[in-house]
Amino acid sequence: MYKVVIVDDESIIVEGLKRVVDWAAYGCQVAGWANDAAEGAALIREKRPDILFTDIKMPGRDGLAMLAALNGEFPRMQTTVLTGYRDFEYARQAIQLGVARYLLKPSRMEDLEEALRHMTGVLAAQKPKGPARPAAHEEAEDSPANSFLARQAQSYIGEHYAQRLSLQEVADHCYVSQWHLSKLLHKYLGLTFYELLNQVRIREAKRLLEDPAMTISEAADRVGYTDVAHFSRVFKKTEGVSAGDWRNQHCGLRRAAKCAGPAR
């Protein structure tokens, strides 16, 4: 029997799928269900299902990140998305992440049955048979799902750089371990977590320092550094000059350009 997990924040959808679909007719049984992405990811790692029916727009987290993480970890698992989110770009991304079927709610029974036939057919053709097992991260590392996760992490850092941000927090956001996220950042971005975080912070600090009224300590605090001495060391290591010298050079060039007037 193929194990099925259902993840949807609408209880009526979960109950409807459990009761209406003739799972046994397709050689399936429902092994568990969850009502949000974080709970769903934990359940999938516990149950290791062959088939997943899931929404991708649930409160709190983006289901696409969950799909990407689980696709890399369980490459044999077949997934059908059930969603009321009618957005072509979202559907395109889901399909790139390995989704077998993308169905809009309310889904017709014939569409659900076709999705089941397709997914069980794919599973039957796979060898060895049996429940989906986690893949070695090295085997699945070069994939659209893992590239997506690296971009998700980069985006999250870009939005939260001014906070006390940790690798664990970003890994939790992407539904992966710290170790795996570190490998993905190195592979796809060529940076460690702290190199990426410092890169974003220093870029924003430079933008702030273009304002003559902004002090260096204020800029450091605004981009997430509680210790101005640490900020100064990171800035000099990144830019090759101190924050004060960078501001003097930059503002001097701007003044010279302004005085020179437009090119003739």
C-alpha atoms as a PDB file:
ATOM      1  CA  MET A   1       0.000   0.000   0.000  1.00  0.00           C
ATOM      2  CA  TYR A   2       1.274   3.485  -0.866  1.00  0.00           C
ATOM      3  CA  LYS A   3       1.259   5.858   2.117  1.00  0.00           C
ATOM      4  CA  VAL A   4      -0.494   9.209   1.641  1.00  0.00           C
ATOM      5  CA  VAL A   5      -0.164  12.419   3.666  1.00  0.00           C
ATOM      6  CA  ILE A   6      -2.587  15.357   3.322  1.00  0.00           C
ATOM      7  CA  VAL A   7      -1.566  18.919   4.291  1.00  0.00           C
ATOM      8  CA  ASP A   8      -4.151  21.722   4.154  1.00  0.00           C
ATOM      9  CA  ASP A   9      -5.165  24.511   6.528  1.00  0.00           C
ATOM     10  CA  GLU A  10      -8.838  23.919   5.673  1.00  0.00           C
ATOM     11  CA  SER A  11     -10.094  21.050   7.824  1.00  0.00           C
ATOM     12  CA  ILE A  12     -13.064  20.510   5.530  1.00  0.00           C
ATOM     13  CA  ILE A  13     -10.668  19.778   2.640  1.00  0.00           C
ATOM     14  CA  VAL A  14      -8.683  17.296   4.717  1.00  0.00           C
ATOM     15  CA  GLU A  15     -11.788  15.498   5.945  1.00  0.00           C
ATOM     16  CA  GLY A  16     -13.304  15.495   2.450  1.00  0.00           C
ATOM     17  CA  LEU A  17     -10.220  13.914   0.898  1.00  0.00           C
ATOM     18  CA  LYS A  18      -9.971  11.295   3.644  1.00  0.00           C
ATOM     19  CA  ARG A  19     -13.583  10.206   3.270  1.00  0.00           C
ATOM     20  CA  VAL A  20     -14.519  10.745  -0.375  1.00  0.00           C
ATOM     21  CA  VAL A  21     -11.527   9.268  -2.193  1.00  0.00           C
ATOM     22  CA  ASP A  22     -11.494   5.471  -2.515  1.00  0.00           C
ATOM     23  CA  TRP A  23      -7.852   5.188  -1.509  1.00  0.00           C
ATOM     24  CA  ALA A  24      -7.806   1.396  -1.375  1.00  0.00           C
ATOM     25  CA  ALA A  25      -8.868   1.217  -5.022  1.00  0.00           C
ATOM     26  CA  TYR A  26      -5.525   2.813  -5.905  1.00  0.00           C
ATOM     27  CA  GLY A  27      -3.475   0.768  -3.469  1.00  0.00           C
ATOM     28  CA  CYS A  28      -3.187   3.691  -1.043  1.00  0.00           C
ATOM     29  CA  GLN A  29      -3.880   4.466   2.591  1.00  0.00           C
ATOM     30  CA  VAL A  30      -3.889   7.837   4.402  1.00  0.00           C
ATOM     31  CA  ALA A  31      -1.023   7.733   6.893  1.00  0.00           C
ATOM     32  CA  GLY A  32      -1.563  11.183   8.374  1.00  0.00           C
ATOM     33  CA  TRP A  33      -2.657  14.776   7.864  1.00  0.00           C
ATOM     34  CA  ALA A  34      -1.645  18.260   9.015  1.00  0.00           C
ATOM     35  CA  ASN A  35      -3.050  21.794   8.915  1.00  0.00           C
ATOM     36  CA  ASP A  36       0.029  23.945   8.242  1.00  0.00           C
ATOM     37  CA  ALA A  37       3.329  23.769   6.411  1.00  0.00           C
ATOM     38  CA  ALA A  38       5.594  23.365   9.457  1.00  0.00           C
ATOM     39  CA  GLU A  39       3.440  20.601  10.941  1.00  0.00           C
ATOM     40  CA  GLY A  40       3.188  19.024   7.489  1.00  0.00           C
ATOM     41  CA  ALA A  41       6.962  18.966   6.991  1.00  0.00           C
ATOM     42  CA  ALA A  42       7.451  17.295  10.376  1.00  0.00           C
ATOM     43  CA  LEU A  43       4.739  14.735   9.606  1.00  0.00           C
ATOM     44  CA  ILE A  44       6.256  13.894   6.219  1.00  0.00           C
ATOM     45  CA  ARG A  45       9.669  13.314   7.785  1.00  0.00           C
ATOM     46  CA  GLU A  46       8.009  11.042  10.343  1.00  0.00           C
ATOM     47  CA  LYS A  47       5.736   9.067   7.992  1.00  0.00           C
ATOM     48  CA  ARG A  48       7.888   9.137   4.829  1.00  0.00           C
ATOM     49  CA  PRO A  49       4.872   8.967   2.507  1.00  0.00           C
ATOM     50  CA  ASP A  50       4.873   7.923  -1.120  1.00  0.00           C
ATOM     51  CA  ILE A  51       2.201  10.497  -2.047  1.00  0.00           C
ATOM     52  CA  LEU A  52       1.508  14.018  -0.798  1.00  0.00           C
ATOM     53  CA  PHE A  53      -1.614  16.120  -1.346  1.00  0.00           C
ATOM     54  CA  THR A  54      -0.941  19.657  -0.145  1.00  0.00           C
ATOM     55  CA  ASP A  55      -1.969  23.275  -0.337  1.00  0.00           C
ATOM     56  CA  ILE A  56       0.843  25.778  -0.897  1.00  0.00           C
ATOM     57  CA  LYS A  57      -0.775  28.932   0.490  1.00  0.00           C
ATOM     58  CA  MET A  58      -1.183  28.365   4.216  1.00  0.00           C
ATOM     59  CA  PRO A  59      -0.952  30.745   7.190  1.00  0.00           C
ATOM     60  CA  GLY A  60       2.504  31.452   8.550  1.00  0.00           C
ATOM     61  CA  ARG A  61       4.767  29.879   5.925  1.00  0.00           C
ATOM     62  CA  ASP A  62       5.069  29.605   2.170  1.00  0.00           C
ATOM     63  CA  GLY A  63       4.321  26.069   1.031  1.00  0.00           C
ATOM     64  CA  LEU A  64       6.704  26.385  -1.924  1.00  0.00           C
ATOM     65  CA  ALA A  65       9.663  26.392   0.472  1.00  0.00           C
ATOM     66  CA  MET A  66       8.279  23.280   2.133  1.00  0.00           C
ATOM     67  CA  LEU A  67       7.906  21.589  -1.261  1.00  0.00           C
ATOM     68  CA  ALA A  68      11.453  22.511  -2.269  1.00  0.00           C
ATOM     69  CA  ALA A  69      12.955  21.166   0.955  1.00  0.00           C
ATOM     70  CA  LEU A  70      10.990  17.925   0.833  1.00  0.00           C
ATOM     71  CA  ASN A  71      11.653  17.416  -2.873  1.00  0.00           C
ATOM     72  CA  GLY A  72      15.378  17.413  -2.191  1.00  0.00           C
ATOM     73  CA  GLU A  73      14.978  15.096   0.797  1.00  0.00           C
ATOM     74  CA  PHE A  74      12.353  12.734  -0.690  1.00  0.00           C
ATOM     75  CA  PRO A  75      12.901  12.773  -4.464  1.00  0.00           C
ATOM     76  CA  ARG A  76      10.669   9.721  -5.054  1.00  0.00           C
ATOM     77  CA  MET A  77       7.642  11.199  -3.264  1.00  0.00           C
ATOM     78  CA  GLN A  78       4.850  12.173  -5.668  1.00  0.00           C
ATOM     79  CA  THR A  79       3.065  15.460  -4.928  1.00  0.00           C
ATOM     80  CA  THR A  80      -0.248  16.949  -6.024  1.00  0.00           C
ATOM     81  CA  VAL A  81      -0.974  20.557  -5.099  1.00  0.00           C
ATOM     82  CA  LEU A  82      -4.554  21.494  -4.226  1.00  0.00           C
ATOM     83  CA  THR A  83      -4.961  25.251  -4.004  1.00  0.00           C
ATOM     84  CA  GLY A  84      -7.335  28.130  -4.501  1.00  0.00           C
ATOM     85  CA  TYR A  85      -4.405  30.374  -5.428  1.00  0.00           C
ATOM     86  CA  ARG A  86      -4.883  31.145  -9.102  1.00  0.00           C
ATOM     87  CA  ASP A  87      -1.492  32.494 -10.055  1.00  0.00           C
ATOM     88  CA  PHE A  88       0.358  31.205 -13.112  1.00  0.00           C
ATOM     89  CA  GLU A  89       3.833  32.074 -11.803  1.00  0.00           C
ATOM     90  CA  TYR A  90       3.169  30.210  -8.568  1.00  0.00           C
ATOM     91  CA  ALA A  91       1.987  27.175 -10.530  1.00  0.00           C
ATOM     92  CA  ARG A  92       5.056  27.345 -12.768  1.00  0.00           C
ATOM     93  CA  GLN A  93       7.381  27.397  -9.764  1.00  0.00           C
ATOM     94  CA  ALA A  94       5.552  24.475  -8.154  1.00  0.00           C
ATOM     95  CA  ILE A  95       5.913  22.404 -11.327  1.00  0.00           C
ATOM     96  CA  GLN A  96       9.627  23.279 -11.543  1.00  0.00           C
ATOM     97  CA  LEU A  97       9.979  21.976  -7.998  1.00  0.00           C
ATOM     98  CA  GLY A  98       8.748  18.559  -9.105  1.00  0.00           C
ATOM     99  CA  VAL A  99       4.984  18.707  -8.448  1.00  0.00           C
ATOM    100  CA  ALA A 100       3.144  15.994 -10.364  1.00  0.00           C
ATOM    101  CA  ARG A 101      -0.229  17.767 -10.588  1.00  0.00           C
ATOM    102  CA  TYR A 102      -1.431  21.306  -9.785  1.00  0.00           C
ATOM    103  CA  LEU A 103      -5.194  21.337  -9.144  1.00  0.00           C
ATOM    104  CA  LEU A 104      -7.350  24.338  -8.333  1.00  0.00           C
ATOM    105  CA  LYS A 105      -9.973  24.172  -5.596  1.00  0.00           C
ATOM    106  CA  PRO A 106     -12.707  23.074  -5.691  1.00  0.00           C
ATOM    107  CA  SER A 107     -11.184  20.033  -7.396  1.00  0.00           C
ATOM    108  CA  ARG A 108     -13.318  17.625  -9.381  1.00  0.00           C
ATOM    109  CA  MET A 109     -13.303  13.970  -8.393  1.00  0.00           C
ATOM    110  CA  GLU A 110     -12.129  12.945 -11.864  1.00  0.00           C
ATOM    111  CA  ASP A 111      -9.118  15.266 -11.543  1.00  0.00           C
ATOM    112  CA  LEU A 112      -8.212  13.813  -8.152  1.00  0.00           C
ATOM    113  CA  GLU A 113      -8.541  10.292  -9.529  1.00  0.00           C
ATOM    114  CA  GLU A 114      -6.394  11.142 -12.562  1.00  0.00           C
ATOM    115  CA  ALA A 115      -3.737  12.577 -10.247  1.00  0.00           C
ATOM    116  CA  LEU A 116      -3.800   9.399  -8.159  1.00  0.00           C
ATOM    117  CA  ARG A 117      -3.541   7.175 -11.238  1.00  0.00           C
ATOM    118  CA  HIS A 118      -0.600   9.208 -12.498  1.00  0.00           C
ATOM    119  CA  MET A 119       1.274   9.246  -9.187  1.00  0.00           C
ATOM    120  CA  THR A 120       0.763   5.560  -8.411  1.00  0.00           C
ATOM    121  CA  GLY A 121       1.820   4.772 -11.980  1.00  0.00           C
ATOM    122  CA  VAL A 122       5.052   6.678 -11.523  1.00  0.00           C
ATOM    123  CA  LEU A 123       5.677   4.959  -8.194  1.00  0.00           C
ATOM    124  CA  ALA A 124       4.998   1.532  -9.691  1.00  0.00           C
ATOM    125  CA  ALA A 125       7.588   2.185 -12.391  1.00  0.00           C
ATOM    126  CA  GLN A 126      10.234   3.223  -9.884  1.00  0.00           C
ATOM    127  CA  LYS A 127      12.792   0.788  -8.526  1.00  0.00           C
ATOM    128  CA  PRO A 128      13.291  -0.226  -5.836  1.00  0.00           C
ATOM    129  CA  LYS A 129       9.657  -0.204  -4.744  1.00  0.00           C
ATOM    130  CA  GLY A 130       8.602   0.633  -1.230  1.00  0.00           C
ATOM    131  CA  PRO A 131       8.101   3.801   0.828  1.00  0.00           C
ATOM    132  CA  ALA A 132       9.922   6.963  -0.187  1.00  0.00           C
ATOM    133  CA  ARG A 133      13.213   7.332   1.638  1.00  0.00           C
ATOM    134  CA  PRO A 134      15.298  10.428   2.246  1.00  0.00           C
ATOM    135  CA  ALA A 135      17.957  10.934  -0.390  1.00  0.00           C
ATOM    136  CA  ALA A 136      21.553  11.658   0.480  1.00  0.00           C
ATOM    137  CA  HIS A 137      21.809  15.452   0.283  1.00  0.00           C
ATOM    138  CA  GLU A 138      24.812  15.166  -1.992  1.00  0.00           C
ATOM    139  CA  GLU A 139      22.767  13.221  -4.554  1.00  0.00           C
ATOM    140  CA  ALA A 140      19.961  15.762  -4.683  1.00  0.00           C
ATOM    141  CA  GLU A 141      22.107  18.844  -4.241  1.00  0.00           C
ATOM    142  CA  ASP A 142      22.124  19.995  -7.879  1.00  0.00           C
ATOM    143  CA  SER A 143      18.401  20.467  -8.443  1.00  0.00           C
ATOM    144  CA  PRO A 144      15.827  23.206  -9.099  1.00  0.00           C
ATOM    145  CA  ALA A 145      14.449  22.606  -5.597  1.00  0.00           C
ATOM    146  CA  ASN A 146      17.778  23.268  -3.900  1.00  0.00           C
ATOM    147  CA  SER A 147      18.513  26.274  -6.120  1.00  0.00           C
ATOM    148  CA  PHE A 148      15.089  27.613  -5.091  1.00  0.00           C
ATOM    149  CA  LEU A 149      15.945  27.096  -1.411  1.00  0.00           C
ATOM    150  CA  ALA A 150      19.201  29.028  -1.760  1.00  0.00           C
ATOM    151  CA  ARG A 151      17.296  31.930  -3.333  1.00  0.00           C
ATOM    152  CA  GLN A 152      14.649  31.733  -0.603  1.00  0.00           C
ATOM    153  CA  ALA A 153      17.347  31.974   2.045  1.00  0.00           C
ATOM    154  CA  GLN A 154      18.972  34.910   0.253  1.00  0.00           C
ATOM    155  CA  SER A 155      15.621  36.686   0.038  1.00  0.00           C
ATOM    156  CA  TYR A 156      14.869  36.071   3.713  1.00  0.00           C
ATOM    157  CA  ILE A 157      18.258  37.464   4.723  1.00  0.00           C
ATOM    158  CA  GLY A 158      17.641  40.488   2.492  1.00  0.00           C
ATOM    159  CA  GLU A 159      14.380  41.186   4.325  1.00  0.00           C
ATOM    160  CA  HIS A 160      15.594  40.525   7.889  1.00  0.00           C
ATOM    161  CA  TYR A 161      19.281  41.583   7.860  1.00  0.00           C
ATOM    162  CA  ALA A 162      18.689  44.352  10.427  1.00  0.00           C
ATOM    163  CA  GLN A 163      17.500  41.842  13.032  1.00  0.00           C
ATOM    164  CA  ARG A 164      19.542  39.451  15.169  1.00  0.00           C
ATOM    165  CA  LEU A 165      19.551  36.815  12.470  1.00  0.00           C
ATOM    166  CA  SER A 166      20.926  33.289  12.889  1.00  0.00           C
ATOM    167  CA  LEU A 167      21.614  30.452  10.493  1.00  0.00           C
ATOM    168  CA  GLN A 168      19.116  28.337  12.458  1.00  0.00           C
ATOM    169  CA  GLU A 169      16.327  30.877  11.885  1.00  0.00           C
ATOM    170  CA  VAL A 170      16.932  30.965   8.138  1.00  0.00           C
ATOM    171  CA  ALA A 171      17.190  27.161   7.980  1.00  0.00           C
ATOM    172  CA  ASP A 172      13.879  26.847   9.837  1.00  0.00           C
ATOM    173  CA  HIS A 173      12.297  29.234   7.345  1.00  0.00           C
ATOM    174  CA  CYS A 174      13.497  26.967   4.518  1.00  0.00           C
ATOM    175  CA  TYR A 175      12.551  23.691   6.287  1.00  0.00           C
ATOM    176  CA  VAL A 176      16.100  22.311   6.141  1.00  0.00           C
ATOM    177  CA  SER A 177      18.939  21.700   8.569  1.00  0.00           C
ATOM    178  CA  GLN A 178      21.661  24.292   9.202  1.00  0.00           C
ATOM    179  CA  TRP A 179      24.187  21.905   7.668  1.00  0.00           C
ATOM    180  CA  HIS A 180      22.207  21.459   4.476  1.00  0.00           C
ATOM    181  CA  LEU A 181      21.465  25.177   4.103  1.00  0.00           C
ATOM    182  CA  SER A 182      25.161  25.990   4.553  1.00  0.00           C
ATOM    183  CA  LYS A 183      26.021  23.580   1.722  1.00  0.00           C
ATOM    184  CA  LEU A 184      23.357  25.110  -0.541  1.00  0.00           C
ATOM    185  CA  LEU A 185      24.526  28.684   0.078  1.00  0.00           C
ATOM    186  CA  HIS A 186      28.096  27.672  -0.711  1.00  0.00           C
ATOM    187  CA  LYS A 187      27.101  25.766  -3.854  1.00  0.00           C
ATOM    188  CA  TYR A 188      24.671  28.260  -5.397  1.00  0.00           C
ATOM    189  CA  LEU A 189      25.905  31.596  -4.017  1.00  0.00           C
ATOM    190  CA  GLY A 190      29.546  30.829  -3.228  1.00  0.00           C
ATOM    191  CA  LEU A 191      29.181  32.295   0.265  1.00  0.00           C
ATOM    192  CA  THR A 192      28.815  31.213   3.863  1.00  0.00           C
ATOM    193  CA  PHE A 193      25.779  32.396   5.811  1.00  0.00           C
ATOM    194  CA  TYR A 194      27.746  35.090   7.620  1.00  0.00           C
ATOM    195  CA  GLU A 195      29.479  36.233   4.440  1.00  0.00           C
ATOM    196  CA  LEU A 196      26.077  36.658   2.803  1.00  0.00           C
ATOM    197  CA  LEU A 197      24.617  38.427   5.839  1.00  0.00           C
ATOM    198  CA  ASN A 198      27.603  40.784   6.087  1.00  0.00           C
ATOM    199  CA  GLN A 199      27.450  41.462   2.349  1.00  0.00           C
ATOM    200  CA  VAL A 200      23.838  42.592   2.618  1.00  0.00           C
ATOM    201  CA  ARG A 201      24.461  44.631   5.758  1.00  0.00           C
ATOM    202  CA  ILE A 202      27.497  46.444   4.372  1.00  0.00           C
ATOM    203  CA  ARG A 203      25.678  47.230   1.123  1.00  0.00           C
ATOM    204  CA  GLU A 204      22.847  48.810   3.116  1.00  0.00           C
ATOM    205  CA  ALA A 205      25.312  50.626   5.379  1.00  0.00           C
ATOM    206  CA  LYS A 206      26.960  52.222   2.349  1.00  0.00           C
ATOM    207  CA  ARG A 207      23.581  53.443   1.186  1.00  0.00           C
ATOM    208  CA  LEU A 208      22.912  54.964   4.612  1.00  0.00           C
ATOM    209  CA  LEU A 209      26.349  56.590   4.789  1.00  0.00           C
ATOM    210  CA  GLU A 210      25.592  58.575   1.650  1.00  0.00           C
ATOM    211  CA  ASP A 211      23.573  60.780   4.005  1.00  0.00           C
ATOM    212  CA  PRO A 212      26.045  63.212   5.644  1.00  0.00           C
ATOM    213  CA  ALA A 213      23.801  63.418   8.715  1.00  0.00           C
ATOM    214  CA  MET A 214      24.088  59.688   9.367  1.00  0.00           C
ATOM    215  CA  THR A 215      26.808  58.778  11.873  1.00  0.00           C
ATOM    216  CA  ILE A 216      28.783  55.573  11.504  1.00  0.00           C
ATOM    217  CA  SER A 217      27.420  54.194  14.786  1.00  0.00           C
ATOM    218  CA  GLU A 218      23.852  54.924  13.663  1.00  0.00           C
ATOM    219  CA  ALA A 219      24.431  53.200  10.332  1.00  0.00           C
ATOM    220  CA  ALA A 220      25.931  50.182  12.100  1.00  0.00           C
ATOM    221  CA  ASP A 221      22.934  49.911  14.406  1.00  0.00           C
ATOM    222  CA  ARG A 222      20.423  50.332  11.566  1.00  0.00           C
ATOM    223  CA  VAL A 223      21.862  47.393   9.616  1.00  0.00           C
ATOM    224  CA  GLY A 224      22.026  45.006  12.566  1.00  0.00           C
ATOM    225  CA  TYR A 225      25.438  45.480  14.226  1.00  0.00           C
ATOM    226  CA  THR A 226      25.205  46.081  17.972  1.00  0.00           C
ATOM    227  CA  ASP A 227      28.995  46.560  18.226  1.00  0.00           C
ATOM    228  CA  VAL A 228      30.301  49.454  16.129  1.00  0.00           C
ATOM    229  CA  ALA A 229      33.874  48.163  16.429  1.00  0.00           C
ATOM    230  CA  HIS A 230      32.810  44.861  14.874  1.00  0.00           C
ATOM    231  CA  PHE A 231      30.967  46.748  12.146  1.00  0.00           C
ATOM    232  CA  SER A 232      34.103  48.769  11.415  1.00  0.00           C
ATOM    233  CA  ARG A 233      36.229  45.627  11.120  1.00  0.00           C
ATOM    234  CA  VAL A 234      33.738  43.957   8.782  1.00  0.00           C
ATOM    235  CA  PHE A 235      33.381  47.111   6.684  1.00  0.00           C
ATOM    236  CA  LYS A 236      37.143  47.483   6.210  1.00  0.00           C
ATOM    237  CA  LYS A 237      37.567  43.804   5.410  1.00  0.00           C
ATOM    238  CA  THR A 238      34.762  43.995   2.821  1.00  0.00           C
ATOM    239  CA  GLU A 239      35.544  47.363   1.217  1.00  0.00           C
ATOM    240  CA  GLY A 240      39.286  47.651   1.802  1.00  0.00           C
ATOM    241  CA  VAL A 241      38.878  51.022   3.580  1.00  0.00           C
ATOM    242  CA  SER A 242      37.289  52.178   6.818  1.00  0.00           C
ATOM    243  CA  ALA A 243      33.676  53.343   6.852  1.00  0.00           C
ATOM    244  CA  GLY A 244      34.862  56.911   7.509  1.00  0.00           C
ATOM    245  CA  ASP A 245      37.334  56.868   4.610  1.00  0.00           C
ATOM    246  CA  TRP A 246      34.726  55.323   2.308  1.00  0.00           C
ATOM    247  CA  ARG A 247      32.286  58.101   3.156  1.00  0.00           C
ATOM    248  CA  ASN A 248      34.930  60.801   2.627  1.00  0.00           C
ATOM    249  CA  GLN A 249      35.971  59.334  -0.734  1.00  0.00           C
ATOM    250  CA  HIS A 250      32.415  58.767  -1.880  1.00  0.00           C
ATOM    251  CA  CYS A 251      31.122  62.171  -0.828  1.00  0.00           C
ATOM    252  CA  GLY A 252      34.215  63.826  -2.316  1.00  0.00           C
ATOM    253  CA  LEU A 253      33.521  62.197  -5.685  1.00  0.00           C
ATOM    254  CA  ARG A 254      29.873  63.241  -5.519  1.00  0.00           C
ATOM    255  CA  ARG A 255      30.809  66.840  -4.736  1.00  0.00           C
ATOM    256  CA  ALA A 256      33.350  66.895  -7.579  1.00  0.00           C
ATOM    257  CA  ALA A 257      30.773  65.528 -10.009  1.00  0.00           C
ATOM    258  CA  LYS A 258      28.221  68.084  -8.878  1.00  0.00           C
ATOM    259  CA  CYS A 259      30.696  70.946  -9.261  1.00  0.00           C
ATOM    260  CA  ALA A 260      31.785  69.774 -12.707  1.00  0.00           C
ATOM    261  CA  GLY A 261      28.205  69.969 -13.967  1.00  0.00           C
ATOM    262  CA  PRO A 262      26.741  67.931 -16.836  1.00  0.00           C
ATOM    263  CA  ALA A 263      29.078  66.489 -19.458  1.00  0.00           C
ATOM    264  CA  ARG A 264      29.206  68.474 -22.698  1.00  0.00           C
END
